[in-house]
Amino acid sequence: MKLKVAQREADGSAIQFEKDIASCDEEITLLSSHNASLEAKHKDAHDALNHIRGSLKQQRQEDPARFDNDLATLQQSLREAKLRATQLQDNFTTTQSIRVCCPQRRS
């Protein structure tokens, strides 16, 4: 009789162990899936960071050329403005000289 009770208890323990093992296997599957998801997110974040680093490096390399181009454009505009101012000043001076020298020729 004691042997049958011991057998039932052993069978019950074995069944419980099998349930525990199945539960652990299920948890391992869920954790593995979660881990894979985290690894994919990490890879995406790493790729995005590398893209940003590359873009910033390219921008830093292009900035001096852009600055030089902008500077050249502004210098050209300044030269043109100075030339135009000189032309206007010359025109004004010539007009004033004509008015002073020849008051009868006022236009």
PDB file of N, CA and C in Angstrom:
ATOM      1  N   MET A   1       0.823  -1.178   0.000  1.00  0.00           N
ATOM      2  CA  MET A   1       0.000   0.000   0.000  1.00  0.00           C
ATOM      3  C   MET A   1       0.872   1.248   0.000  1.00  0.00           C
ATOM      4  N   LYS A   2       1.887   1.212   0.847  1.00  0.00           N
ATOM      5  CA  LYS A   2       2.770   2.365   0.897  1.00  0.00           C
ATOM      6  C   LYS A   2       3.490   2.543  -0.439  1.00  0.00           C
ATOM      7  N   LEU A   3       3.722   1.440  -1.079  1.00  0.00           N
ATOM      8  CA  LEU A   3       4.388   1.501  -2.373  1.00  0.00           C
ATOM      9  C   LEU A   3       3.509   2.185  -3.412  1.00  0.00           C
ATOM     10  N   LYS A   4       2.215   1.890  -3.395  1.00  0.00           N
ATOM     11  CA  LYS A   4       1.283   2.521  -4.336  1.00  0.00           C
ATOM     12  C   LYS A   4       1.180   4.015  -4.063  1.00  0.00           C
ATOM     13  N   VAL A   5       1.150   4.408  -2.803  1.00  0.00           N
ATOM     14  CA  VAL A   5       1.084   5.831  -2.442  1.00  0.00           C
ATOM     15  C   VAL A   5       2.353   6.530  -2.912  1.00  0.00           C
ATOM     16  N   ALA A   6       3.464   5.874  -2.691  1.00  0.00           N
ATOM     17  CA  ALA A   6       4.742   6.455  -3.123  1.00  0.00           C
ATOM     18  C   ALA A   6       4.783   6.572  -4.645  1.00  0.00           C
ATOM     19  N   GLN A   7       4.227   5.571  -5.347  1.00  0.00           N
ATOM     20  CA  GLN A   7       4.190   5.600  -6.812  1.00  0.00           C
ATOM     21  C   GLN A   7       3.326   6.759  -7.293  1.00  0.00           C
ATOM     22  N   ARG A   8       2.156   6.962  -6.657  1.00  0.00           N
ATOM     23  CA  ARG A   8       1.259   8.064  -7.039  1.00  0.00           C
ATOM     24  C   ARG A   8       1.935   9.410  -6.792  1.00  0.00           C
ATOM     25  N   GLU A   9       2.608   9.516  -5.679  1.00  0.00           N
ATOM     26  CA  GLU A   9       3.303  10.770  -5.374  1.00  0.00           C
ATOM     27  C   GLU A   9       4.413  11.027  -6.396  1.00  0.00           C
ATOM     28  N   ALA A  10       5.111   9.964  -6.768  1.00  0.00           N
ATOM     29  CA  ALA A  10       6.171  10.099  -7.768  1.00  0.00           C
ATOM     30  C   ALA A  10       5.581  10.490  -9.117  1.00  0.00           C
ATOM     31  N   ASP A  11       4.450   9.856  -9.473  1.00  0.00           N
ATOM     32  CA  ASP A  11       3.784  10.204 -10.734  1.00  0.00           C
ATOM     33  C   ASP A  11       3.318  11.657 -10.705  1.00  0.00           C
ATOM     34  N   GLY A  12       2.778  12.074  -9.572  1.00  0.00           N
ATOM     35  CA  GLY A  12       2.324  13.464  -9.433  1.00  0.00           C
ATOM     36  C   GLY A  12       3.484  14.439  -9.526  1.00  0.00           C
ATOM     37  N   SER A  13       4.594  14.082  -8.905  1.00  0.00           N
ATOM     38  CA  SER A  13       5.785  14.939  -8.965  1.00  0.00           C
ATOM     39  C   SER A  13       6.321  15.009 -10.391  1.00  0.00           C
ATOM     40  N   ALA A  14       6.318  13.875 -11.092  1.00  0.00           N
ATOM     41  CA  ALA A  14       6.804  13.848 -12.473  1.00  0.00           C
ATOM     42  C   ALA A  14       5.925  14.723 -13.360  1.00  0.00           C
ATOM     43  N   ILE A  15       4.615  14.622 -13.161  1.00  0.00           N
ATOM     44  CA  ILE A  15       3.690  15.447 -13.948  1.00  0.00           C
ATOM     45  C   ILE A  15       3.934  16.927 -13.656  1.00  0.00           C
ATOM     46  N   GLN A  16       4.126  17.253 -12.386  1.00  0.00           N
ATOM     47  CA  GLN A  16       4.383  18.648 -12.010  1.00  0.00           C
ATOM     48  C   GLN A  16       5.705  19.134 -12.619  1.00  0.00           C
ATOM     49  N   PHE A  17       6.720  18.266 -12.595  1.00  0.00           N
ATOM     50  CA  PHE A  17       8.002  18.634 -13.198  1.00  0.00           C
ATOM     51  C   PHE A  17       7.852  18.876 -14.699  1.00  0.00           C
ATOM     52  N   GLU A  18       7.067  18.026 -15.356  1.00  0.00           N
ATOM     53  CA  GLU A  18       6.833  18.202 -16.791  1.00  0.00           C
ATOM     54  C   GLU A  18       6.121  19.522 -17.062  1.00  0.00           C
ATOM     55  N   LYS A  19       5.154  19.862 -16.213  1.00  0.00           N
ATOM     56  CA  LYS A  19       4.457  21.148 -16.357  1.00  0.00           C
ATOM     57  C   LYS A  19       5.432  22.308 -16.138  1.00  0.00           C
ATOM     58  N   ASP A  20       6.276  22.173 -15.126  1.00  0.00           N
ATOM     59  CA  ASP A  20       7.270  23.215 -14.849  1.00  0.00           C
ATOM     60  C   ASP A  20       8.239  23.376 -16.022  1.00  0.00           C
ATOM     61  N   ILE A  21       8.662  22.232 -16.577  1.00  0.00           N
ATOM     62  CA  ILE A  21       9.572  22.273 -17.727  1.00  0.00           C
ATOM     63  C   ILE A  21       8.887  22.931 -18.918  1.00  0.00           C
ATOM     64  N   ALA A  22       7.637  22.588 -19.176  1.00  0.00           N
ATOM     65  CA  ALA A  22       6.889  23.192 -20.282  1.00  0.00           C
ATOM     66  C   ALA A  22       6.746  24.697 -20.067  1.00  0.00           C
ATOM     67  N   SER A  23       6.474  25.086 -18.827  1.00  0.00           N
ATOM     68  CA  SER A  23       6.349  26.506 -18.505  1.00  0.00           C
ATOM     69  C   SER A  23       7.680  27.228 -18.734  1.00  0.00           C
ATOM     70  N   CYS A  24       8.761  26.593 -18.315  1.00  0.00           N
ATOM     71  CA  CYS A  24      10.091  27.189 -18.520  1.00  0.00           C
ATOM     72  C   CYS A  24      10.420  27.291 -20.009  1.00  0.00           C
ATOM     73  N   ASP A  25      10.076  26.242 -20.769  1.00  0.00           N
ATOM     74  CA  ASP A  25      10.306  26.278 -22.215  1.00  0.00           C
ATOM     75  C   ASP A  25       9.527  27.417 -22.862  1.00  0.00           C
ATOM     76  N   GLU A  26       8.294  27.604 -22.421  1.00  0.00           N
ATOM     77  CA  GLU A  26       7.461  28.684 -22.953  1.00  0.00           C
ATOM     78  C   GLU A  26       8.084  30.045 -22.615  1.00  0.00           C
ATOM     79  N   GLU A  27       8.557  30.180 -21.382  1.00  0.00           N
ATOM     80  CA  GLU A  27       9.184  31.438 -20.963  1.00  0.00           C
ATOM     81  C   GLU A  27      10.473  31.688 -21.747  1.00  0.00           C
ATOM     82  N   ILE A  28      11.240  30.634 -21.993  1.00  0.00           N
ATOM     83  CA  ILE A  28      12.465  30.761 -22.790  1.00  0.00           C
ATOM     84  C   ILE A  28      12.128  31.225 -24.200  1.00  0.00           C
ATOM     85  N   THR A  29      11.076  30.665 -24.778  1.00  0.00           N
ATOM     86  CA  THR A  29      10.648  31.065 -26.121  1.00  0.00           C
ATOM     87  C   THR A  29      10.267  32.544 -26.148  1.00  0.00           C
ATOM     88  N   LEU A  30       9.483  32.975 -25.151  1.00  0.00           N
ATOM     89  CA  LEU A  30       9.083  34.387 -25.082  1.00  0.00           C
ATOM     90  C   LEU A  30      10.292  35.300 -24.899  1.00  0.00           C
ATOM     91  N   LEU A  31      11.199  34.917 -24.007  1.00  0.00           N
ATOM     92  CA  LEU A  31      12.387  35.738 -23.763  1.00  0.00           C
ATOM     93  C   LEU A  31      13.298  35.776 -24.989  1.00  0.00           C
ATOM     94  N   SER A  32      13.395  34.659 -25.696  1.00  0.00           N
ATOM     95  CA  SER A  32      14.201  34.630 -26.919  1.00  0.00           C
ATOM     96  C   SER A  32      13.614  35.557 -27.971  1.00  0.00           C
ATOM     97  N   SER A  33      12.297  35.535 -28.092  1.00  0.00           N
ATOM     98  CA  SER A  33      11.618  36.425 -29.034  1.00  0.00           C
ATOM     99  C   SER A  33      11.838  37.888 -28.648  1.00  0.00           C
ATOM    100  N   HIS A  34      11.720  38.174 -27.361  1.00  0.00           N
ATOM    101  CA  HIS A  34      11.932  39.536 -26.872  1.00  0.00           C
ATOM    102  C   HIS A  34      13.383  39.966 -27.105  1.00  0.00           C
ATOM    103  N   ASN A  35      14.312  39.059 -26.858  1.00  0.00           N
ATOM    104  CA  ASN A  35      15.728  39.345 -27.073  1.00  0.00           C
ATOM    105  C   ASN A  35      16.000  39.649 -28.544  1.00  0.00           C
ATOM    106  N   ALA A  36      15.418  38.864 -29.443  1.00  0.00           N
ATOM    107  CA  ALA A  36      15.591  39.098 -30.880  1.00  0.00           C
ATOM    108  C   ALA A  36      15.041  40.465 -31.265  1.00  0.00           C
ATOM    109  N   SER A  37      13.904  40.837 -30.685  1.00  0.00           N
ATOM    110  CA  SER A  37      13.319  42.150 -30.954  1.00  0.00           C
ATOM    111  C   SER A  37      14.247  43.267 -30.482  1.00  0.00           C
ATOM    112  N   LEU A  38      14.806  43.105 -29.288  1.00  0.00           N
ATOM    113  CA  LEU A  38      15.735  44.113 -28.762  1.00  0.00           C
ATOM    114  C   LEU A  38      16.994  44.207 -29.623  1.00  0.00           C
ATOM    115  N   GLU A  39      17.486  43.069 -30.089  1.00  0.00           N
ATOM    116  CA  GLU A  39      18.667  43.080 -30.953  1.00  0.00           C
ATOM    117  C   GLU A  39      18.375  43.800 -32.266  1.00  0.00           C
ATOM    118  N   ALA A  40      17.185  43.595 -32.827  1.00  0.00           N
ATOM    119  CA  ALA A  40      16.804  44.283 -34.063  1.00  0.00           C
ATOM    120  C   ALA A  40      16.710  45.791 -33.832  1.00  0.00           C
ATOM    121  N   LYS A  41      16.120  46.179 -32.706  1.00  0.00           N
ATOM    122  CA  LYS A  41      16.032  47.609 -32.383  1.00  0.00           C
ATOM    123  C   LYS A  41      17.421  48.207 -32.194  1.00  0.00           C
ATOM    124  N   HIS A  42      18.293  47.466 -31.542  1.00  0.00           N
ATOM    125  CA  HIS A  42      19.665  47.935 -31.334  1.00  0.00           C
ATOM    126  C   HIS A  42      20.370  48.131 -32.671  1.00  0.00           C
ATOM    127  N   LYS A  43      20.194  47.174 -33.579  1.00  0.00           N
ATOM    128  CA  LYS A  43      20.818  47.276 -34.902  1.00  0.00           C
ATOM    129  C   LYS A  43      20.272  48.484 -35.651  1.00  0.00           C
ATOM    130  N   ASP A  44      18.955  48.691 -35.602  1.00  0.00           N
ATOM    131  CA  ASP A  44      18.354  49.851 -36.267  1.00  0.00           C
ATOM    132  C   ASP A  44      18.896  51.157 -35.688  1.00  0.00           C
ATOM    133  N   ALA A  45      18.997  51.225 -34.365  1.00  0.00           N
ATOM    134  CA  ALA A  45      19.523  52.432 -33.718  1.00  0.00           C
ATOM    135  C   ALA A  45      20.988  52.643 -34.091  1.00  0.00           C
ATOM    136  N   HIS A  46      21.741  51.566 -34.138  1.00  0.00           N
ATOM    137  CA  HIS A  46      23.156  51.649 -34.510  1.00  0.00           C
ATOM    138  C   HIS A  46      23.302  52.136 -35.954  1.00  0.00           C
ATOM    139  N   ASP A  47      22.481  51.596 -36.852  1.00  0.00           N
ATOM    140  CA  ASP A  47      22.508  52.025 -38.251  1.00  0.00           C
ATOM    141  C   ASP A  47      22.136  53.497 -38.379  1.00  0.00           C
ATOM    142  N   ALA A  48      21.117  53.928 -37.631  1.00  0.00           N
ATOM    143  CA  ALA A  48      20.702  55.333 -37.673  1.00  0.00           C
ATOM    144  C   ALA A  48      21.818  56.237 -37.152  1.00  0.00           C
ATOM    145  N   LEU A  49      22.469  55.822 -36.087  1.00  0.00           N
ATOM    146  CA  LEU A  49      23.570  56.606 -35.531  1.00  0.00           C
ATOM    147  C   LEU A  49      24.720  56.706 -36.531  1.00  0.00           C
ATOM    148  N   ASN A  50      25.047  55.616 -37.189  1.00  0.00           N
ATOM    149  CA  ASN A  50      26.098  55.651 -38.212  1.00  0.00           C
ATOM    150  C   ASN A  50      25.718  56.568 -39.364  1.00  0.00           C
ATOM    151  N   HIS A  51      24.446  56.559 -39.740  1.00  0.00           N
ATOM    152  CA  HIS A  51      23.978  57.447 -40.807  1.00  0.00           C
ATOM    153  C   HIS A  51      24.147  58.909 -40.393  1.00  0.00           C
ATOM    154  N   ILE A  52      23.760  59.221 -39.159  1.00  0.00           N
ATOM    155  CA  ILE A  52      23.888  60.595 -38.665  1.00  0.00           C
ATOM    156  C   ILE A  52      25.358  61.001 -38.617  1.00  0.00           C
ATOM    157  N   ARG A  53      26.204  60.109 -38.123  1.00  0.00           N
ATOM    158  CA  ARG A  53      27.640  60.415 -38.074  1.00  0.00           C
ATOM    159  C   ARG A  53      28.188  60.683 -39.472  1.00  0.00           C
ATOM    160  N   GLY A  54      27.793  59.860 -40.429  1.00  0.00           N
ATOM    161  CA  GLY A  54      28.244  60.053 -41.807  1.00  0.00           C
ATOM    162  C   GLY A  54      27.757  61.367 -42.388  1.00  0.00           C
ATOM    163  N   SER A  55      26.501  61.693 -42.117  1.00  0.00           N
ATOM    164  CA  SER A  55      25.945  62.952 -42.618  1.00  0.00           C
ATOM    165  C   SER A  55      26.664  64.150 -42.017  1.00  0.00           C
ATOM    166  N   LEU A  56      26.933  64.086 -40.716  1.00  0.00           N
ATOM    167  CA  LEU A  56      27.639  65.189 -40.057  1.00  0.00           C
ATOM    168  C   LEU A  56      29.063  65.325 -40.582  1.00  0.00           C
ATOM    169  N   LYS A  57      29.724  64.205 -40.818  1.00  0.00           N
ATOM    170  CA  LYS A  57      31.084  64.243 -41.356  1.00  0.00           C
ATOM    171  C   LYS A  57      31.083  64.877 -42.743  1.00  0.00           C
ATOM    172  N   GLN A  58      30.128  64.471 -43.567  1.00  0.00           N
ATOM    173  CA  GLN A  58      30.021  65.034 -44.912  1.00  0.00           C
ATOM    174  C   GLN A  58      29.727  66.531 -44.840  1.00  0.00           C
ATOM    175  N   GLN A  59      28.837  66.925 -43.940  1.00  0.00           N
ATOM    176  CA  GLN A  59      28.501  68.338 -43.792  1.00  0.00           C
ATOM    177  C   GLN A  59      29.726  69.137 -43.346  1.00  0.00           C
ATOM    178  N   ARG A  60      30.493  68.593 -42.399  1.00  0.00           N
ATOM    179  CA  ARG A  60      31.709  69.282 -41.944  1.00  0.00           C
ATOM    180  C   ARG A  60      32.703  69.432 -43.092  1.00  0.00           C
ATOM    181  N   GLN A  61      32.757  68.447 -43.971  1.00  0.00           N
ATOM    182  CA  GLN A  61      33.669  68.523 -45.109  1.00  0.00           C
ATOM    183  C   GLN A  61      33.178  69.534 -46.143  1.00  0.00           C
ATOM    184  N   GLU A  62      31.860  69.663 -46.289  1.00  0.00           N
ATOM    185  CA  GLU A  62      31.299  70.572 -47.288  1.00  0.00           C
ATOM    186  C   GLU A  62      31.227  72.013 -46.795  1.00  0.00           C
ATOM    187  N   ASP A  63      31.185  72.223 -45.481  1.00  0.00           N
ATOM    188  CA  ASP A  63      31.034  73.572 -44.938  1.00  0.00           C
ATOM    189  C   ASP A  63      32.121  74.543 -45.395  1.00  0.00           C
ATOM    190  N   PRO A  64      33.407  74.186 -45.357  1.00  0.00           N
ATOM    191  CA  PRO A  64      34.412  75.149 -45.813  1.00  0.00           C
ATOM    192  C   PRO A  64      34.219  75.558 -47.275  1.00  0.00           C
ATOM    193  N   ALA A  65      33.894  74.599 -48.124  1.00  0.00           N
ATOM    194  CA  ALA A  65      33.669  74.919 -49.536  1.00  0.00           C
ATOM    195  C   ALA A  65      32.458  75.828 -49.687  1.00  0.00           C
ATOM    196  N   ARG A  66      31.396  75.549 -48.933  1.00  0.00           N
ATOM    197  CA  ARG A  66      30.197  76.387 -48.981  1.00  0.00           C
ATOM    198  C   ARG A  66      30.525  77.793 -48.479  1.00  0.00           C
ATOM    199  N   PHE A  67      31.316  77.865 -47.397  1.00  0.00           N
ATOM    200  CA  PHE A  67      31.715  79.155 -46.849  1.00  0.00           C
ATOM    201  C   PHE A  67      32.527  79.931 -47.881  1.00  0.00           C
ATOM    202  N   ASP A  68      33.494  79.257 -48.514  1.00  0.00           N
ATOM    203  CA  ASP A  68      34.318  79.924 -49.525  1.00  0.00           C
ATOM    204  C   ASP A  68      33.471  80.417 -50.687  1.00  0.00           C
ATOM    205  N   ASN A  69      32.504  79.620 -51.104  1.00  0.00           N
ATOM    206  CA  ASN A  69      31.617  80.016 -52.197  1.00  0.00           C
ATOM    207  C   ASN A  69      30.776  81.227 -51.795  1.00  0.00           C
ATOM    208  N   ASP A  70      30.208  81.187 -50.589  1.00  0.00           N
ATOM    209  CA  ASP A  70      29.412  82.320 -50.104  1.00  0.00           C
ATOM    210  C   ASP A  70      30.266  83.572 -49.982  1.00  0.00           C
ATOM    211  N   LEU A  71      31.496  83.412 -49.489  1.00  0.00           N
ATOM    212  CA  LEU A  71      32.401  84.548 -49.347  1.00  0.00           C
ATOM    213  C   LEU A  71      32.721  85.147 -50.710  1.00  0.00           C
ATOM    214  N   ALA A  72      33.005  84.305 -51.692  1.00  0.00           N
ATOM    215  CA  ALA A  72      33.308  84.794 -53.038  1.00  0.00           C
ATOM    216  C   ALA A  72      32.109  85.535 -53.625  1.00  0.00           C
ATOM    217  N   THR A  73      30.914  85.013 -53.407  1.00  0.00           N
ATOM    218  CA  THR A  73      29.703  85.671 -53.904  1.00  0.00           C
ATOM    219  C   THR A  73      29.523  87.034 -53.250  1.00  0.00           C
ATOM    220  N   LEU A  74      29.716  87.100 -51.940  1.00  0.00           N
ATOM    221  CA  LEU A  74      29.579  88.377 -51.231  1.00  0.00           C
ATOM    222  C   LEU A  74      30.656  89.366 -51.655  1.00  0.00           C
ATOM    223  N   GLN A  75      31.879  88.889 -51.859  1.00  0.00           N
ATOM    224  CA  GLN A  75      32.950  89.782 -52.310  1.00  0.00           C
ATOM    225  C   GLN A  75      32.651  90.326 -53.703  1.00  0.00           C
ATOM    226  N   GLN A  76      32.115  89.478 -54.578  1.00  0.00           N
ATOM    227  CA  GLN A  76      31.744  89.932 -55.923  1.00  0.00           C
ATOM    228  C   GLN A  76      30.628  90.969 -55.841  1.00  0.00           C
ATOM    229  N   SER A  77      29.639  90.723 -54.992  1.00  0.00           N
ATOM    230  CA  SER A  77      28.551  91.693 -54.819  1.00  0.00           C
ATOM    231  C   SER A  77      29.084  93.010 -54.277  1.00  0.00           C
ATOM    232  N   LEU A  78      30.029  92.945 -53.354  1.00  0.00           N
ATOM    233  CA  LEU A  78      30.627  94.155 -52.794  1.00  0.00           C
ATOM    234  C   LEU A  78      31.402  94.919 -53.861  1.00  0.00           C
ATOM    235  N   ARG A  79      32.176  94.204 -54.681  1.00  0.00           N
ATOM    236  CA  ARG A  79      32.907  94.873 -55.772  1.00  0.00           C
ATOM    237  C   ARG A  79      31.941  95.563 -56.730  1.00  0.00           C
ATOM    238  N   GLU A  80      30.856  94.874 -57.074  1.00  0.00           N
ATOM    239  CA  GLU A  80      29.865  95.461 -57.983  1.00  0.00           C
ATOM    240  C   GLU A  80      29.205  96.683 -57.355  1.00  0.00           C
ATOM    241  N   ALA A  81      28.905  96.610 -56.054  1.00  0.00           N
ATOM    242  CA  ALA A  81      28.287  97.749 -55.371  1.00  0.00           C
ATOM    243  C   ALA A  81      29.253  98.926 -55.313  1.00  0.00           C
ATOM    244  N   LYS A  82      30.533  98.655 -55.036  1.00  0.00           N
ATOM    245  CA  LYS A  82      31.531  99.732 -55.012  1.00  0.00           C
ATOM    246  C   LYS A  82      31.682 100.357 -56.394  1.00  0.00           C
ATOM    247  N   LEU A  83      31.716  99.527 -57.428  1.00  0.00           N
ATOM    248  CA  LEU A  83      31.830 100.034 -58.796  1.00  0.00           C
ATOM    249  C   LEU A  83      30.631 100.901 -59.146  1.00  0.00           C
ATOM    250  N   ARG A  84      29.464 100.436 -58.790  1.00  0.00           N
ATOM    251  CA  ARG A  84      28.238 101.217 -59.062  1.00  0.00           C
ATOM    252  C   ARG A  84      28.259 102.525 -58.275  1.00  0.00           C
ATOM    253  N   ALA A  85      28.708 102.484 -57.028  1.00  0.00           N
ATOM    254  CA  ALA A  85      28.790 103.706 -56.224  1.00  0.00           C
ATOM    255  C   ALA A  85      29.798 104.674 -56.831  1.00  0.00           C
ATOM    256  N   THR A  86      30.923 104.143 -57.302  1.00  0.00           N
ATOM    257  CA  THR A  86      31.933 104.993 -57.946  1.00  0.00           C
ATOM    258  C   THR A  86      31.369 105.620 -59.216  1.00  0.00           C
ATOM    259  N   GLN A  87      30.653 104.828 -60.005  1.00  0.00           N
ATOM    260  CA  GLN A  87      30.045 105.352 -61.229  1.00  0.00           C
ATOM    261  C   GLN A  87      29.031 106.442 -60.912  1.00  0.00           C
ATOM    262  N   LEU A  88      28.209 106.215 -59.909  1.00  0.00           N
ATOM    263  CA  LEU A  88      27.218 107.227 -59.522  1.00  0.00           C
ATOM    264  C   LEU A  88      27.904 108.484 -59.000  1.00  0.00           C
ATOM    265  N   GLN A  89      28.973 108.290 -58.204  1.00  0.00           N
ATOM    266  CA  GLN A  89      29.717 109.443 -57.685  1.00  0.00           C
ATOM    267  C   GLN A  89      30.347 110.218 -58.833  1.00  0.00           C
ATOM    268  N   ASP A  90      30.953 109.507 -59.793  1.00  0.00           N
ATOM    269  CA  ASP A  90      31.551 110.171 -60.958  1.00  0.00           C
ATOM    270  C   ASP A  90      30.495 110.924 -61.747  1.00  0.00           C
ATOM    271  N   ASN A  91      29.353 110.297 -61.940  1.00  0.00           N
ATOM    272  CA  ASN A  91      28.254 110.932 -62.672  1.00  0.00           C
ATOM    273  C   ASN A  91      27.787 112.180 -61.937  1.00  0.00           C
ATOM    274  N   PHE A  92      27.644 112.078 -60.624  1.00  0.00           N
ATOM    275  CA  PHE A  92      27.209 113.217 -59.824  1.00  0.00           C
ATOM    276  C   PHE A  92      28.249 114.335 -59.878  1.00  0.00           C
ATOM    277  N   THR A  93      29.534 113.967 -59.740  1.00  0.00           N
ATOM    278  CA  THR A  93      30.613 114.961 -59.782  1.00  0.00           C
ATOM    279  C   THR A  93      30.648 115.649 -61.136  1.00  0.00           C
ATOM    280  N   THR A  94      30.508 114.880 -62.203  1.00  0.00           N
ATOM    281  CA  THR A  94      30.497 115.455 -63.549  1.00  0.00           C
ATOM    282  C   THR A  94      29.318 116.404 -63.701  1.00  0.00           C
ATOM    283  N   THR A  95      28.169 116.000 -63.229  1.00  0.00           N
ATOM    284  CA  THR A  95      26.974 116.848 -63.323  1.00  0.00           C
ATOM    285  C   THR A  95      27.176 118.132 -62.532  1.00  0.00           C
ATOM    286  N   GLN A  96      27.736 118.036 -61.340  1.00  0.00           N
ATOM    287  CA  GLN A  96      27.974 119.225 -60.518  1.00  0.00           C
ATOM    288  C   GLN A  96      29.016 120.130 -61.170  1.00  0.00           C
ATOM    289  N   SER A  97      30.054 119.517 -61.769  1.00  0.00           N
ATOM    290  CA  SER A  97      31.083 120.317 -62.445  1.00  0.00           C
ATOM    291  C   SER A  97      30.489 121.081 -63.608  1.00  0.00           C
ATOM    292  N   ILE A  98      29.619 120.437 -64.348  1.00  0.00           N
ATOM    293  CA  ILE A  98      28.975 121.104 -65.482  1.00  0.00           C
ATOM    294  C   ILE A  98      28.121 122.252 -64.976  1.00  0.00           C
ATOM    295  N   ARG A  99      27.418 122.068 -63.904  1.00  0.00           N
ATOM    296  CA  ARG A  99      26.555 123.117 -63.357  1.00  0.00           C
ATOM    297  C   ARG A  99      27.386 124.296 -62.845  1.00  0.00           C
ATOM    298  N   VAL A 100      28.551 123.982 -62.256  1.00  0.00           N
ATOM    299  CA  VAL A 100      29.399 125.053 -61.733  1.00  0.00           C
ATOM    300  C   VAL A 100      30.085 125.786 -62.876  1.00  0.00           C
ATOM    301  N   CYS A 101      30.619 125.021 -63.825  1.00  0.00           N
ATOM    302  CA  CYS A 101      31.353 125.626 -64.939  1.00  0.00           C
ATOM    303  C   CYS A 101      30.424 126.320 -65.922  1.00  0.00           C
ATOM    304  N   CYS A 102      29.334 125.731 -66.179  1.00  0.00           N
ATOM    305  CA  CYS A 102      28.439 126.234 -67.223  1.00  0.00           C
ATOM    306  C   CYS A 102      27.033 126.369 -66.666  1.00  0.00           C
ATOM    307  N   PRO A 103      26.748 127.393 -65.889  1.00  0.00           N
ATOM    308  CA  PRO A 103      25.430 127.494 -65.270  1.00  0.00           C
ATOM    309  C   PRO A 103      24.292 127.603 -66.282  1.00  0.00           C
ATOM    310  N   GLN A 104      24.552 128.070 -67.478  1.00  0.00           N
ATOM    311  CA  GLN A 104      23.491 128.227 -68.466  1.00  0.00           C
ATOM    312  C   GLN A 104      23.005 126.890 -69.021  1.00  0.00           C
ATOM    313  N   ARG A 105      23.764 125.793 -68.843  1.00  0.00           N
ATOM    314  CA  ARG A 105      23.393 124.493 -69.421  1.00  0.00           C
ATOM    315  C   ARG A 105      22.662 123.608 -68.417  1.00  0.00           C
ATOM    316  N   ARG A 106      21.933 124.155 -67.521  1.00  0.00           N
ATOM    317  CA  ARG A 106      21.202 123.333 -66.547  1.00  0.00           C
ATOM    318  C   ARG A 106      20.130 122.512 -67.239  1.00  0.00           C
ATOM    319  N   SER A 107      20.029 121.289 -66.851  1.00  0.00           N
ATOM    320  CA  SER A 107      19.013 120.450 -67.459  1.00  0.00           C
ATOM    321  C   SER A 107      17.990 120.031 -66.447  1.00  0.00           C
TER     322      SER A 107
END
